[in-house]
Amino acid sequence: MALRIAEHVSKSHPVLVCTTRVPRPSYDRFQVLNNLRGRTEDDVSALNRVDVDIWLAMNAGYAAIARNLRKPLIVYFHGNDFLNPWIVSTPLPLKLLSKMPWVGQFGYGKRRDYARRRIGLGITSAVKILTNSSNTQALIREYYPQYRDVSLCPPGVEDKFFQRDDDAHRNSPVLKLLTVSRLQKATRRKNVAGVLHALALLRGHLNFTYSIVGDGDDFENLKRLSNDLGLADRVTFHGRVDDQELLRLYQCASLFVLPAKSSPVDVEGFGIVYLEANASGVPVLCSAAGGAVDAVVDGQTGIVLASSEPDQIAAGIVRFADSRAAYKAERLREFARNFTWEIAATRIESQILSAMDSLARARSEGSADPTRATEPSRHGQLISSRG
């Protein structure tokens, strides 16, 4: 996401990207500095040494240091980056407590609460808050009621997913299901196991195949579960695939399936994969959890389940099988075109320029803090960190 924003903004403004100390590719249109450690207190001095006009932080945790930065800060909130913050620096006793046997979970909760409070203290010093979905917007207002002005700026779908074919294969009597997801224990909210349990319920009633794209430390567990459920002849684990193979799998799919779960500390912020599927002419099955409801229109671009339990997933798949002719590929692609990166990045750029204009007006009226910004030269700047 940071890359797409930087590419777009750099067409008309100088852009500098500050990111963690991992070697990155070089880009012709903008400069990349690998000067961050991914911890807020460690990064303050590094950011203050860089000459910019305004920052766009791509992680909510950086709101915690908004007051300590010499230049104004816009923060993009994704969801888990403030529900379960990982880059906000915490005191050593809390770090040690979170790693101790028996009390580690209690300590981790205390550490998380501290990080959330730090974000809350800093958020009022940010000049703008942007977010990816109406669900994340509501969560921000719930956790940080002192900051109500939150602008919706959903992410974009890559142009490569807008594929055209004759779509004839979509009328196959075999229902071809597809999931694209990280297969990690830390992201079990993706609920691939729930889909496998649902398919076990349908095995004797529906002719289907299921392709799972992705890798991670839960890969072998899910493969074992598939075998235990008697689905080995119906389910294919593709692992990590290249772009060409990914596009082929989307092109062959009848239905994209990702009925994610949510918890107070783990949520699907938006769900860009749903739009990737739509751009490929494929309807989707999701649950009404997190930001999915912004990316999927029930009965038009897919099916939105009230619950992510296996019996509800199975019922949703049957519902789709009975109505699949109603989902026209071109109509799905047309919906996804509302979320291209050109549209998404233009919206974010307009928020950056609007913030700079407001700061300039405030300075001219003598109401701005002169230590927070200098005369803007329309430079868009980005902070990118993992997650």
Protein backbone atom coordinates (compact mmCIF):
# COMPACT_ATOMS: atom_id res chain seq x y z
CA MET A 1 0.00 0.00 0.00
CA ALA A 2 2.84 2.38 0.86
CA LEU A 3 4.44 1.61 -2.48
CA ARG A 4 1.30 2.43 -4.47
CA ILE A 5 0.78 5.70 -2.58
CA ALA A 6 4.42 6.70 -3.05
CA GLU A 7 4.29 5.93 -6.77
CA HIS A 8 1.16 8.02 -7.21
CA VAL A 9 2.16 11.04 -5.12
CA SER A 10 5.65 11.15 -6.65
CA LYS A 11 4.14 11.95 -10.05
CA SER A 12 3.60 15.52 -8.83
CA HIS A 13 5.48 15.90 -5.52
CA PRO A 14 8.87 14.85 -4.13
CA VAL A 15 8.44 11.76 -1.94
CA LEU A 16 10.71 10.19 0.65
CA VAL A 17 9.90 6.79 2.16
CA CYS A 18 11.32 5.91 5.57
CA THR A 19 11.13 2.24 6.43
CA THR A 20 12.74 -0.42 8.60
CA ARG A 21 16.38 -1.42 8.30
CA VAL A 22 15.84 -4.13 5.74
CA PRO A 23 17.32 -3.78 2.24
CA ARG A 24 14.64 -2.59 -0.18
CA PRO A 25 14.61 -2.13 -3.95
CA SER A 26 15.54 1.31 -5.25
CA TYR A 27 12.92 3.31 -7.09
CA ASP A 28 13.38 5.93 -9.77
CA ARG A 29 10.58 8.26 -8.69
CA PHE A 30 11.24 8.49 -4.95
CA GLN A 31 13.93 7.93 -2.36
CA VAL A 32 13.89 5.15 0.27
CA LEU A 33 15.70 5.46 3.60
CA ASN A 34 16.13 2.27 5.65
CA ASN A 35 16.48 4.29 8.84
CA LEU A 36 13.75 2.97 11.16
CA ARG A 37 13.81 0.24 13.80
CA GLY A 38 10.05 -0.24 13.93
CA ARG A 39 9.83 0.99 17.55
CA THR A 40 8.35 4.41 18.19
CA GLU A 41 10.82 5.80 20.73
CA ASP A 42 13.79 4.54 18.75
CA ASP A 43 12.45 6.16 15.57
CA VAL A 44 11.71 9.68 16.84
CA SER A 45 15.26 10.96 16.43
CA ALA A 46 15.67 9.26 13.04
CA LEU A 47 12.48 10.89 11.74
CA ASN A 48 13.38 14.28 13.16
CA ARG A 49 16.68 14.22 11.29
CA VAL A 50 14.83 14.01 7.95
CA ASP A 51 13.79 17.25 6.26
CA VAL A 52 10.15 16.88 5.20
CA ASP A 53 6.99 18.97 5.20
CA ILE A 54 4.51 16.34 6.39
CA TRP A 55 4.53 12.67 7.39
CA LEU A 56 2.07 9.95 6.43
CA ALA A 57 2.52 7.04 8.85
CA MET A 58 1.31 3.68 7.55
CA ASN A 59 0.93 2.23 11.05
CA ALA A 60 -1.34 3.51 13.82
CA GLY A 61 1.41 3.03 16.41
CA TYR A 62 3.23 6.11 15.13
CA ALA A 63 0.38 8.26 16.47
CA ALA A 64 2.04 7.71 19.87
CA ILE A 65 4.92 10.02 18.88
CA ALA A 66 2.96 12.66 16.95
CA ARG A 67 3.68 15.27 19.63
CA ASN A 68 7.41 14.49 19.53
CA LEU A 69 7.85 14.94 15.80
CA ARG A 70 9.00 18.28 14.44
CA LYS A 71 6.71 18.08 11.43
CA PRO A 72 2.96 17.35 11.23
CA LEU A 73 1.77 13.76 11.07
CA ILE A 74 -1.10 12.04 9.26
CA VAL A 75 -1.72 8.49 10.47
CA TYR A 76 -3.37 5.64 8.57
CA PHE A 77 -5.13 3.14 10.88
CA HIS A 78 -5.60 -0.43 9.59
CA GLY A 79 -7.14 -2.22 12.59
CA ASN A 80 -4.79 -4.60 14.38
CA ASP A 81 -2.11 -1.90 14.45
CA PHE A 82 -4.04 -0.19 17.26
CA LEU A 83 -6.12 -3.07 18.63
CA ASN A 84 -2.94 -5.04 19.29
CA PRO A 85 -0.06 -2.56 18.75
CA TRP A 86 3.41 -3.94 18.12
CA ILE A 87 5.60 -0.93 17.36
CA VAL A 88 4.76 1.29 20.35
CA SER A 89 7.70 1.30 22.76
CA THR A 90 6.78 0.02 26.23
CA PRO A 91 8.67 0.14 29.56
CA LEU A 92 11.11 -2.69 30.26
CA PRO A 93 9.14 -4.07 33.28
CA LEU A 94 6.07 -4.56 31.06
CA LYS A 95 8.18 -6.25 28.39
CA LEU A 96 9.65 -8.65 30.96
CA LEU A 97 6.24 -9.33 32.53
CA SER A 98 4.77 -10.24 29.14
CA LYS A 99 7.48 -12.90 28.67
CA MET A 100 7.30 -14.52 32.12
CA PRO A 101 5.88 -18.05 32.55
CA TRP A 102 2.36 -18.32 34.00
CA VAL A 103 1.73 -14.56 34.00
CA GLY A 104 2.86 -13.85 30.44
CA GLN A 105 -0.66 -13.53 29.05
CA PHE A 106 -1.63 -11.11 31.82
CA GLY A 107 1.55 -9.13 31.22
CA TYR A 108 0.97 -9.06 27.48
CA GLY A 109 -2.51 -7.63 28.09
CA LYS A 110 -1.02 -4.90 30.29
CA ARG A 111 1.58 -4.14 27.62
CA ARG A 112 -1.13 -3.92 24.96
CA ASP A 113 -3.24 -1.59 27.14
CA TYR A 114 -0.24 0.66 27.71
CA ALA A 115 0.46 0.87 23.97
CA ARG A 116 -3.18 1.71 23.25
CA ARG A 117 -3.06 4.51 25.83
CA ARG A 118 0.11 5.90 24.25
CA ILE A 119 -1.66 6.02 20.89
CA GLY A 120 -4.62 7.74 22.55
CA LEU A 121 -2.39 10.39 24.11
CA GLY A 122 -0.69 11.10 20.81
CA ILE A 123 -3.66 10.94 18.48
CA THR A 124 -4.85 14.48 19.25
CA SER A 125 -1.51 15.80 17.97
CA ALA A 126 -2.00 14.16 14.57
CA VAL A 127 -3.32 16.50 11.89
CA LYS A 128 -5.47 13.78 10.27
CA ILE A 129 -6.54 10.20 10.83
CA LEU A 130 -7.25 8.02 7.80
CA THR A 131 -8.58 4.47 7.81
CA ASN A 132 -9.49 1.59 5.53
CA SER A 133 -13.13 0.74 6.36
CA SER A 134 -16.24 1.86 8.19
CA ASN A 135 -15.67 -0.93 10.72
CA THR A 136 -12.17 0.34 11.56
CA GLN A 137 -13.54 3.90 11.64
CA ALA A 138 -16.13 2.84 14.25
CA LEU A 139 -13.46 1.06 16.31
CA ILE A 140 -11.23 4.16 16.30
CA ARG A 141 -14.13 6.27 17.56
CA GLU A 142 -14.89 3.67 20.22
CA TYR A 143 -11.32 3.38 21.50
CA TYR A 144 -10.39 7.04 21.02
CA PRO A 145 -13.57 9.13 21.44
CA GLN A 146 -11.42 12.25 21.80
CA TYR A 147 -10.75 12.06 18.05
CA ARG A 148 -13.92 11.94 15.93
CA ASP A 149 -12.69 13.18 12.55
CA VAL A 150 -11.67 9.95 10.83
CA SER A 151 -11.61 9.88 7.01
CA LEU A 152 -12.36 6.71 5.04
CA CYS A 153 -9.66 5.88 2.49
CA PRO A 154 -9.97 2.21 1.46
CA PRO A 155 -6.99 0.53 -0.21
CA GLY A 156 -6.89 -0.34 -3.90
CA VAL A 157 -6.84 -3.45 -6.06
CA GLU A 158 -3.97 -4.03 -8.49
CA ASP A 159 -4.68 -3.59 -12.20
CA LYS A 160 -3.33 -7.07 -12.96
CA PHE A 161 -6.42 -8.68 -11.42
CA PHE A 162 -8.77 -7.16 -13.99
CA GLN A 163 -8.76 -10.18 -16.26
CA ARG A 164 -11.04 -10.81 -19.20
CA ASP A 165 -11.92 -14.22 -20.56
CA ASP A 166 -15.00 -15.91 -21.96
CA ASP A 167 -16.08 -16.97 -18.43
CA ALA A 168 -17.52 -20.16 -19.93
CA HIS A 169 -15.66 -22.35 -17.44
CA ARG A 170 -17.63 -20.74 -14.62
CA ASN A 171 -20.66 -22.81 -15.69
CA SER A 172 -18.85 -26.06 -14.92
CA PRO A 173 -20.93 -28.54 -12.90
CA VAL A 174 -18.00 -28.71 -10.49
CA LEU A 175 -17.99 -25.83 -7.99
CA LYS A 176 -14.40 -24.58 -7.86
CA LEU A 177 -13.71 -22.87 -4.55
CA LEU A 178 -10.63 -20.73 -3.89
CA THR A 179 -8.99 -19.17 -0.82
CA VAL A 180 -5.93 -16.92 -0.95
CA SER A 181 -4.52 -16.25 2.51
CA ARG A 182 -1.55 -16.42 4.82
CA LEU A 183 -1.65 -19.79 6.57
CA GLN A 184 -0.22 -18.73 9.90
CA LYS A 185 -1.22 -19.56 13.46
CA ALA A 186 -1.22 -15.84 14.23
CA THR A 187 -3.81 -15.22 11.49
CA ARG A 188 -6.24 -18.05 12.15
CA ARG A 189 -8.97 -15.43 11.96
CA LYS A 190 -8.83 -16.14 8.22
CA ASN A 191 -10.77 -19.29 9.19
CA VAL A 192 -9.47 -21.73 6.60
CA ALA A 193 -10.06 -24.51 9.13
CA GLY A 194 -13.71 -23.45 9.36
CA VAL A 195 -14.05 -23.76 5.59
CA LEU A 196 -12.57 -27.27 5.68
CA HIS A 197 -15.05 -28.31 8.37
CA ALA A 198 -17.88 -26.81 6.29
CA LEU A 199 -16.78 -28.74 3.21
CA ALA A 200 -16.74 -31.96 5.22
CA LEU A 201 -20.46 -31.35 5.83
CA LEU A 202 -21.04 -30.91 2.08
CA ARG A 203 -18.87 -33.75 0.82
CA GLY A 204 -21.76 -36.10 0.04
CA HIS A 205 -24.12 -33.40 -1.24
CA LEU A 206 -22.12 -31.11 -3.54
CA ASN A 207 -19.61 -31.61 -6.34
CA PHE A 208 -16.73 -29.26 -5.49
CA THR A 209 -12.97 -28.77 -5.46
CA TYR A 210 -11.13 -26.42 -3.11
CA SER A 211 -7.83 -24.65 -3.90
CA ILE A 212 -5.90 -23.01 -1.06
CA VAL A 213 -3.14 -20.55 -1.97
CA GLY A 214 -0.72 -19.41 0.72
CA ASP A 215 2.00 -20.54 3.09
CA GLY A 216 2.92 -20.20 6.73
CA ASP A 217 3.48 -22.06 9.98
CA ASP A 218 -0.10 -23.43 9.94
CA PHE A 219 0.25 -25.01 6.49
CA GLU A 220 0.96 -28.57 7.68
CA ASN A 221 -1.73 -28.41 10.39
CA LEU A 222 -4.37 -27.43 7.84
CA LYS A 223 -3.20 -30.08 5.40
CA ARG A 224 -3.45 -32.69 8.15
CA LEU A 225 -6.95 -31.46 9.05
CA SER A 226 -8.02 -31.74 5.42
CA ASN A 227 -6.84 -35.36 5.31
CA ASP A 228 -8.49 -36.18 8.66
CA LEU A 229 -11.80 -34.81 7.35
CA GLY A 230 -11.60 -37.05 4.28
CA LEU A 231 -11.08 -34.16 1.87
CA ALA A 232 -7.69 -35.10 0.42
CA ASP A 233 -9.20 -35.83 -3.02
CA ARG A 234 -11.09 -32.50 -3.09
CA VAL A 235 -8.59 -30.03 -1.58
CA THR A 236 -5.33 -28.82 -3.13
CA PHE A 237 -2.76 -26.84 -1.14
CA HIS A 238 -0.81 -24.79 -3.68
CA GLY A 239 1.51 -23.05 -1.21
CA ARG A 240 3.06 -19.80 -2.38
CA VAL A 241 2.55 -19.19 -6.11
CA ASP A 242 3.82 -16.61 -8.60
CA ASP A 243 1.60 -13.91 -10.09
CA GLN A 244 0.86 -15.83 -13.26
CA GLU A 245 -0.34 -18.90 -11.39
CA LEU A 246 -2.35 -16.78 -8.94
CA LEU A 247 -4.16 -15.06 -11.80
CA ARG A 248 -4.85 -18.43 -13.41
CA LEU A 249 -6.36 -19.79 -10.21
CA TYR A 250 -8.58 -16.73 -9.84
CA GLN A 251 -9.62 -17.09 -13.47
CA CYS A 252 -10.65 -20.72 -12.95
CA ALA A 253 -12.56 -20.18 -9.69
CA SER A 254 -16.33 -20.30 -9.28
CA LEU A 255 -16.35 -18.75 -5.79
CA PHE A 256 -13.74 -17.09 -3.57
CA VAL A 257 -14.18 -18.17 0.07
CA LEU A 258 -12.78 -16.31 3.11
CA PRO A 259 -15.28 -16.12 6.02
CA ALA A 260 -12.96 -14.45 8.53
CA LYS A 261 -13.51 -14.17 12.26
CA SER A 262 -12.95 -11.16 14.49
CA SER A 263 -11.97 -10.69 18.13
CA PRO A 264 -11.33 -7.63 20.33
CA VAL A 265 -7.62 -7.78 19.39
CA ASP A 266 -7.69 -9.32 15.92
CA VAL A 267 -9.79 -8.10 13.00
CA GLU A 268 -9.81 -8.19 9.20
CA GLY A 269 -9.38 -4.47 8.52
CA PHE A 270 -10.75 -4.44 4.97
CA GLY A 271 -10.20 -7.54 2.83
CA ILE A 272 -8.57 -6.55 -0.45
CA VAL A 273 -8.65 -10.18 -1.63
CA TYR A 274 -12.42 -9.91 -2.06
CA LEU A 275 -11.88 -7.15 -4.61
CA GLU A 276 -9.10 -9.09 -6.30
CA ALA A 277 -11.61 -11.89 -6.81
CA ASN A 278 -14.28 -9.51 -8.12
CA ALA A 279 -11.76 -7.92 -10.48
CA SER A 280 -11.17 -11.42 -11.84
CA GLY A 281 -14.92 -11.87 -12.33
CA VAL A 282 -15.32 -14.12 -9.28
CA PRO A 283 -18.02 -13.67 -6.59
CA VAL A 284 -17.03 -14.08 -2.94
CA LEU A 285 -18.23 -15.63 0.30
CA CYS A 286 -17.31 -13.73 3.46
CA SER A 287 -18.62 -13.14 6.97
CA ALA A 288 -19.94 -9.89 8.40
CA ALA A 289 -16.74 -9.40 10.39
CA GLY A 290 -14.35 -6.49 10.27
CA GLY A 291 -14.12 -4.43 7.11
CA ALA A 292 -15.42 -7.11 4.74
CA VAL A 293 -18.83 -5.43 4.64
CA ASP A 294 -17.21 -2.45 2.87
CA ALA A 295 -15.71 -4.71 0.21
CA VAL A 296 -18.67 -7.04 -0.44
CA VAL A 297 -22.31 -6.28 -1.31
CA ASP A 298 -24.50 -9.20 -0.24
CA GLY A 299 -26.39 -10.71 -3.14
CA GLN A 300 -24.60 -8.56 -5.71
CA THR A 301 -20.85 -9.14 -5.49
CA GLY A 302 -21.02 -12.10 -3.16
CA ILE A 303 -22.61 -13.57 -0.06
CA VAL A 304 -22.13 -12.09 3.41
CA LEU A 305 -22.68 -14.56 6.26
CA ALA A 306 -23.96 -13.50 9.66
CA SER A 307 -21.70 -16.10 11.27
CA SER A 308 -18.39 -17.72 10.39
CA GLU A 309 -19.26 -21.12 11.89
CA PRO A 310 -18.90 -24.20 9.63
CA ASP A 311 -22.64 -24.87 9.33
CA GLN A 312 -23.23 -21.28 8.21
CA ILE A 313 -20.34 -21.46 5.74
CA ALA A 314 -21.79 -24.68 4.31
CA ALA A 315 -25.22 -23.05 4.00
CA GLY A 316 -23.66 -20.05 2.24
CA ILE A 317 -21.88 -22.26 -0.28
CA VAL A 318 -25.16 -24.09 -1.02
CA ARG A 319 -26.92 -20.74 -1.38
CA PHE A 320 -24.32 -19.68 -3.92
CA ALA A 321 -24.55 -22.97 -5.81
CA ASP A 322 -28.31 -22.42 -6.16
CA SER A 323 -27.95 -18.83 -7.41
CA ARG A 324 -24.56 -18.75 -9.17
CA ALA A 325 -26.08 -17.74 -12.52
CA ALA A 326 -27.09 -14.38 -10.98
CA TYR A 327 -23.44 -13.34 -10.51
CA LYS A 328 -22.24 -11.84 -13.78
CA ALA A 329 -18.48 -11.53 -14.17
CA GLU A 330 -18.55 -8.12 -15.85
CA ARG A 331 -20.79 -6.69 -13.14
CA LEU A 332 -18.30 -7.90 -10.52
CA ARG A 333 -15.40 -6.32 -12.39
CA GLU A 334 -17.32 -3.06 -12.65
CA PHE A 335 -17.77 -2.99 -8.88
CA ALA A 336 -14.06 -3.65 -8.31
CA ARG A 337 -13.18 -0.73 -10.61
CA ASN A 338 -14.43 1.59 -7.87
CA PHE A 339 -11.38 0.47 -5.87
CA THR A 340 -8.48 0.78 -8.30
CA TRP A 341 -5.20 2.06 -6.92
CA GLU A 342 -5.51 5.19 -9.05
CA ILE A 343 -8.72 6.08 -7.23
CA ALA A 344 -7.46 4.97 -3.80
CA ALA A 345 -4.11 6.78 -4.00
CA THR A 346 -5.73 9.96 -5.40
CA ARG A 347 -8.07 10.01 -2.41
CA ILE A 348 -5.17 9.69 0.04
CA GLU A 349 -3.14 12.32 -1.81
CA SER A 350 -6.05 14.75 -1.56
CA GLN A 351 -6.13 14.19 2.21
CA ILE A 352 -2.41 14.99 2.44
CA LEU A 353 -2.76 18.19 0.41
CA SER A 354 -5.88 19.20 2.33
CA ALA A 355 -3.96 18.86 5.61
CA MET A 356 -1.10 20.97 4.26
CA ASP A 357 -3.51 23.67 3.06
CA SER A 358 -5.18 23.76 6.50
CA LEU A 359 -1.80 24.10 8.20
CA ALA A 360 -0.81 26.91 5.82
CA ARG A 361 -4.05 28.79 6.52
CA ALA A 362 -3.62 28.33 10.26
CA ARG A 363 -0.07 29.71 10.09
CA SER A 364 -1.21 32.72 8.13
CA GLU A 365 -3.82 33.37 10.82
CA GLY A 366 -1.23 32.90 13.56
CA SER A 367 -2.97 29.93 15.17
CA ALA A 368 -0.57 27.10 14.31
CA ASP A 369 2.32 25.89 16.41
CA PRO A 370 5.38 27.14 14.46
CA THR A 371 7.46 24.21 15.74
CA ARG A 372 5.22 21.68 14.01
CA ALA A 373 5.66 22.70 10.36
CA THR A 374 7.49 25.00 8.00
CA GLU A 375 6.18 26.62 4.86
CA PRO A 376 4.97 23.64 2.83
CA SER A 377 6.54 22.87 -0.52
CA ARG A 378 4.02 20.13 -1.27
CA HIS A 379 6.27 17.19 -0.45
CA GLY A 380 4.39 13.97 0.28
CA GLN A 381 6.26 11.78 2.75
CA LEU A 382 5.68 8.25 3.96
CA ILE A 383 6.57 6.03 6.86
CA SER A 384 6.15 2.36 6.15
CA SER A 385 6.57 -0.41 8.70
CA ARG A 386 5.57 -4.04 8.81
CA GLY A 387 1.88 -4.83 9.08
